[in-house]
Amino acid sequence: MTNKVAKLQRACVKNPVKVEVSSKYSTVDTLKQQYLFIPTKFKDCYLVYLLNELAGSTVMVFTRTCEATRRLALILRNLGLDAIPISGQMSRPKRLGALNKFEADERSTLICTDVANRGLDIPSVDVVINYDIPTNLKDYIHQVG
């Protein structure tokens, strides 16, 4: 933004919001991204619908909290979907066990918190769903891989 535009903004705009686009962090060019705005009360139902539509695909679903991870995994398992949770509140052996089941195709859906953002390289993931929107760009970039 040039100095002239900044001065004009200060003179004319009340409570401006600055939005920046940076090439420092970006997704890979081959990534297909889509988004939907779903009212909170319908998120669980729509997730079940999506997972049924994606049957046969490997899916990672990112949530913001450990509680949401556990809750979604329970809901999905009760509905007959083979979801498994992974979060920071689980012991390391349990996290590794869940990850191994996912990588070995014993479970097709991994419900996870940001504990799975970094350090994991799972090349066989077909779809990543951000059930909760990441709070910053770096987390989003790591989640979508």
C-alpha atoms as a PDB file:
ATOM      1  CA  MET A   1       0.000   0.000   0.000  1.00  0.00           C
ATOM      2  CA  THR A   2       1.483   3.320  -1.031  1.00  0.00           C
ATOM      3  CA  ASN A   3       1.694   6.296   1.330  1.00  0.00           C
ATOM      4  CA  LYS A   4      -1.046   8.111  -0.608  1.00  0.00           C
ATOM      5  CA  VAL A   5      -3.422   5.187  -0.261  1.00  0.00           C
ATOM      6  CA  ALA A   6      -2.605   4.891   3.450  1.00  0.00           C
ATOM      7  CA  LYS A   7      -3.380   8.601   3.975  1.00  0.00           C
ATOM      8  CA  LEU A   8      -6.636   8.256   2.046  1.00  0.00           C
ATOM      9  CA  GLN A   9      -7.550   5.255   4.152  1.00  0.00           C
ATOM     10  CA  ARG A  10      -6.934   7.139   7.410  1.00  0.00           C
ATOM     11  CA  ALA A  11      -9.020  10.072   6.171  1.00  0.00           C
ATOM     12  CA  CYS A  12     -11.968   8.118   4.795  1.00  0.00           C
ATOM     13  CA  VAL A  13     -12.263   4.730   6.455  1.00  0.00           C
ATOM     14  CA  LYS A  14     -13.454   4.070   9.976  1.00  0.00           C
ATOM     15  CA  ASN A  15     -11.999   0.934  11.638  1.00  0.00           C
ATOM     16  CA  PRO A  16     -10.236  -0.430   8.547  1.00  0.00           C
ATOM     17  CA  VAL A  17      -9.203  -4.069   8.279  1.00  0.00           C
ATOM     18  CA  LYS A  18      -5.954  -4.964   6.572  1.00  0.00           C
ATOM     19  CA  VAL A  19      -5.813  -8.158   4.520  1.00  0.00           C
ATOM     20  CA  GLU A  20      -2.463  -9.297   3.182  1.00  0.00           C
ATOM     21  CA  VAL A  21      -1.576 -11.906   0.641  1.00  0.00           C
ATOM     22  CA  SER A  22       1.885 -13.346   1.016  1.00  0.00           C
ATOM     23  CA  SER A  23       3.756 -15.801  -1.135  1.00  0.00           C
ATOM     24  CA  LYS A  24       5.931 -16.758   1.840  1.00  0.00           C
ATOM     25  CA  TYR A  25       3.466 -19.521   2.753  1.00  0.00           C
ATOM     26  CA  SER A  26       1.440 -21.182   0.043  1.00  0.00           C
ATOM     27  CA  THR A  27      -0.139 -24.480  -0.859  1.00  0.00           C
ATOM     28  CA  VAL A  28       1.099 -26.678  -3.668  1.00  0.00           C
ATOM     29  CA  ASP A  29      -0.221 -25.817  -7.116  1.00  0.00           C
ATOM     30  CA  THR A  30      -1.896 -29.207  -7.586  1.00  0.00           C
ATOM     31  CA  LEU A  31      -4.016 -28.905  -4.417  1.00  0.00           C
ATOM     32  CA  LYS A  32      -7.740 -28.677  -5.098  1.00  0.00           C
ATOM     33  CA  GLN A  33      -9.350 -26.543  -2.389  1.00  0.00           C
ATOM     34  CA  GLN A  34     -13.041 -26.043  -1.717  1.00  0.00           C
ATOM     35  CA  TYR A  35     -14.872 -24.457   1.160  1.00  0.00           C
ATOM     36  CA  LEU A  36     -18.382 -24.504   2.527  1.00  0.00           C
ATOM     37  CA  PHE A  37     -19.942 -22.335   5.173  1.00  0.00           C
ATOM     38  CA  ILE A  38     -22.066 -24.669   7.284  1.00  0.00           C
ATOM     39  CA  PRO A  39     -24.061 -23.483  10.311  1.00  0.00           C
ATOM     40  CA  THR A  40     -22.598 -24.983  13.473  1.00  0.00           C
ATOM     41  CA  LYS A  41     -25.708 -27.000  14.244  1.00  0.00           C
ATOM     42  CA  PHE A  42     -25.369 -28.839  10.897  1.00  0.00           C
ATOM     43  CA  LYS A  43     -21.606 -29.474  10.888  1.00  0.00           C
ATOM     44  CA  ASP A  44     -21.801 -32.990  12.318  1.00  0.00           C
ATOM     45  CA  CYS A  45     -24.538 -34.052   9.896  1.00  0.00           C
ATOM     46  CA  TYR A  46     -22.724 -32.633   6.910  1.00  0.00           C
ATOM     47  CA  LEU A  47     -19.469 -34.285   7.962  1.00  0.00           C
ATOM     48  CA  VAL A  48     -21.248 -37.658   8.091  1.00  0.00           C
ATOM     49  CA  TYR A  49     -22.714 -36.952   4.651  1.00  0.00           C
ATOM     50  CA  LEU A  50     -19.272 -36.055   3.240  1.00  0.00           C
ATOM     51  CA  LEU A  51     -17.616 -39.123   4.725  1.00  0.00           C
ATOM     52  CA  ASN A  52     -20.320 -41.352   3.258  1.00  0.00           C
ATOM     53  CA  GLU A  53     -19.822 -39.678  -0.129  1.00  0.00           C
ATOM     54  CA  LEU A  54     -16.065 -40.215   0.210  1.00  0.00           C
ATOM     55  CA  ALA A  55     -16.397 -43.912   1.103  1.00  0.00           C
ATOM     56  CA  GLY A  56     -13.238 -45.718   0.019  1.00  0.00           C
ATOM     57  CA  SER A  57     -11.090 -42.599   0.444  1.00  0.00           C
ATOM     58  CA  THR A  58      -8.631 -41.900   3.236  1.00  0.00           C
ATOM     59  CA  VAL A  59      -9.657 -38.747   5.071  1.00  0.00           C
ATOM     60  CA  MET A  60      -8.089 -36.590   7.774  1.00  0.00           C
ATOM     61  CA  VAL A  61     -10.519 -34.372   9.684  1.00  0.00           C
ATOM     62  CA  PHE A  62      -8.930 -31.562  11.714  1.00  0.00           C
ATOM     63  CA  THR A  63     -10.671 -30.168  14.793  1.00  0.00           C
ATOM     64  CA  ARG A  64      -9.605 -27.384  17.116  1.00  0.00           C
ATOM     65  CA  THR A  65      -9.906 -29.254  20.439  1.00  0.00           C
ATOM     66  CA  CYS A  66      -9.164 -32.667  21.894  1.00  0.00           C
ATOM     67  CA  GLU A  67     -12.765 -32.888  23.103  1.00  0.00           C
ATOM     68  CA  ALA A  68     -14.116 -32.288  19.577  1.00  0.00           C
ATOM     69  CA  THR A  69     -11.768 -34.983  18.285  1.00  0.00           C
ATOM     70  CA  ARG A  70     -13.055 -37.549  20.789  1.00  0.00           C
ATOM     71  CA  ARG A  71     -16.696 -36.532  20.291  1.00  0.00           C
ATOM     72  CA  LEU A  72     -16.554 -36.757  16.498  1.00  0.00           C
ATOM     73  CA  ALA A  73     -14.748 -40.095  16.551  1.00  0.00           C
ATOM     74  CA  LEU A  74     -17.440 -41.518  18.870  1.00  0.00           C
ATOM     75  CA  ILE A  75     -20.271 -40.171  16.716  1.00  0.00           C
ATOM     76  CA  LEU A  76     -18.743 -41.533  13.536  1.00  0.00           C
ATOM     77  CA  ARG A  77     -17.993 -44.959  15.017  1.00  0.00           C
ATOM     78  CA  ASN A  78     -21.545 -45.197  16.394  1.00  0.00           C
ATOM     79  CA  LEU A  79     -22.790 -44.523  12.865  1.00  0.00           C
ATOM     80  CA  GLY A  80     -20.649 -47.338  11.474  1.00  0.00           C
ATOM     81  CA  LEU A  81     -17.804 -45.256  10.060  1.00  0.00           C
ATOM     82  CA  ASP A  82     -14.283 -46.438  10.869  1.00  0.00           C
ATOM     83  CA  ALA A  83     -12.906 -43.256  12.392  1.00  0.00           C
ATOM     84  CA  ILE A  84     -10.045 -43.110  14.874  1.00  0.00           C
ATOM     85  CA  PRO A  85      -8.985 -40.080  16.961  1.00  0.00           C
ATOM     86  CA  ILE A  86      -5.522 -38.667  17.536  1.00  0.00           C
ATOM     87  CA  SER A  87      -4.873 -35.743  19.885  1.00  0.00           C
ATOM     88  CA  GLY A  88      -2.325 -34.310  22.277  1.00  0.00           C
ATOM     89  CA  GLN A  89      -4.194 -35.702  25.290  1.00  0.00           C
ATOM     90  CA  MET A  90      -3.493 -39.259  24.158  1.00  0.00           C
ATOM     91  CA  SER A  91      -0.320 -41.007  25.241  1.00  0.00           C
ATOM     92  CA  ARG A  92       2.404 -41.313  22.634  1.00  0.00           C
ATOM     93  CA  PRO A  93       1.877 -45.093  22.209  1.00  0.00           C
ATOM     94  CA  LYS A  94      -1.879 -44.562  21.658  1.00  0.00           C
ATOM     95  CA  ARG A  95      -1.212 -41.801  19.108  1.00  0.00           C
ATOM     96  CA  LEU A  96       1.270 -44.021  17.265  1.00  0.00           C
ATOM     97  CA  GLY A  97      -1.171 -46.921  17.370  1.00  0.00           C
ATOM     98  CA  ALA A  98      -3.956 -44.790  15.884  1.00  0.00           C
ATOM     99  CA  LEU A  99      -1.599 -43.478  13.222  1.00  0.00           C
ATOM    100  CA  ASN A 100      -0.444 -47.004  12.358  1.00  0.00           C
ATOM    101  CA  LYS A 101      -4.051 -48.178  11.957  1.00  0.00           C
ATOM    102  CA  PHE A 102      -4.752 -45.245   9.654  1.00  0.00           C
ATOM    103  CA  GLU A 103      -1.615 -45.771   7.567  1.00  0.00           C
ATOM    104  CA  ALA A 104      -2.289 -49.528   7.320  1.00  0.00           C
ATOM    105  CA  ASP A 105      -5.814 -48.821   5.997  1.00  0.00           C
ATOM    106  CA  GLU A 106      -7.438 -50.414   9.040  1.00  0.00           C
ATOM    107  CA  ARG A 107      -9.196 -47.072   9.556  1.00  0.00           C
ATOM    108  CA  SER A 108     -10.074 -44.753   6.685  1.00  0.00           C
ATOM    109  CA  THR A 109     -10.785 -41.610   8.726  1.00  0.00           C
ATOM    110  CA  LEU A 110      -8.382 -39.951  11.151  1.00  0.00           C
ATOM    111  CA  ILE A 111      -9.974 -37.319  13.403  1.00  0.00           C
ATOM    112  CA  CYS A 112      -7.159 -35.141  14.728  1.00  0.00           C
ATOM    113  CA  THR A 113      -6.143 -31.924  16.398  1.00  0.00           C
ATOM    114  CA  ASP A 114      -3.167 -29.842  15.338  1.00  0.00           C
ATOM    115  CA  VAL A 115      -0.939 -32.505  16.939  1.00  0.00           C
ATOM    116  CA  ALA A 116      -1.024 -34.070  13.459  1.00  0.00           C
ATOM    117  CA  ASN A 117      -0.082 -30.805  11.692  1.00  0.00           C
ATOM    118  CA  ARG A 118       3.641 -31.275  11.555  1.00  0.00           C
ATOM    119  CA  GLY A 119       6.107 -34.073  11.438  1.00  0.00           C
ATOM    120  CA  LEU A 120       3.702 -36.532   9.843  1.00  0.00           C
ATOM    121  CA  ASP A 121       4.121 -37.590   6.251  1.00  0.00           C
ATOM    122  CA  ILE A 122       1.131 -39.644   5.200  1.00  0.00           C
ATOM    123  CA  PRO A 123       1.214 -39.742   1.399  1.00  0.00           C
ATOM    124  CA  SER A 124      -1.943 -41.829   1.027  1.00  0.00           C
ATOM    125  CA  VAL A 125      -4.397 -39.178   2.289  1.00  0.00           C
ATOM    126  CA  ASP A 126      -7.044 -38.440  -0.318  1.00  0.00           C
ATOM    127  CA  VAL A 127      -8.984 -35.675   1.443  1.00  0.00           C
ATOM    128  CA  VAL A 128      -8.333 -33.234   4.292  1.00  0.00           C
ATOM    129  CA  ILE A 129     -11.350 -31.653   5.976  1.00  0.00           C
ATOM    130  CA  ASN A 130     -10.951 -28.693   8.293  1.00  0.00           C
ATOM    131  CA  TYR A 131     -13.950 -29.283  10.553  1.00  0.00           C
ATOM    132  CA  ASP A 132     -12.775 -26.226  12.476  1.00  0.00           C
ATOM    133  CA  ILE A 133     -10.953 -23.467  10.640  1.00  0.00           C
ATOM    134  CA  PRO A 134      -7.260 -23.232  11.616  1.00  0.00           C
ATOM    135  CA  THR A 135      -6.374 -20.084  13.511  1.00  0.00           C
ATOM    136  CA  ASN A 136      -3.383 -19.205  11.344  1.00  0.00           C
ATOM    137  CA  LEU A 137      -2.077 -19.716   7.835  1.00  0.00           C
ATOM    138  CA  LYS A 138       0.885 -21.886   8.817  1.00  0.00           C
ATOM    139  CA  ASP A 139      -1.420 -24.426  10.486  1.00  0.00           C
ATOM    140  CA  TYR A 140      -3.619 -24.526   7.401  1.00  0.00           C
ATOM    141  CA  ILE A 141      -0.626 -25.062   5.108  1.00  0.00           C
ATOM    142  CA  HIS A 142       0.633 -27.931   7.296  1.00  0.00           C
ATOM    143  CA  GLN A 143      -2.822 -29.513   7.552  1.00  0.00           C
ATOM    144  CA  VAL A 144      -3.513 -29.600   3.826  1.00  0.00           C
ATOM    145  CA  GLY A 145      -0.002 -30.804   3.211  1.00  0.00           C
END
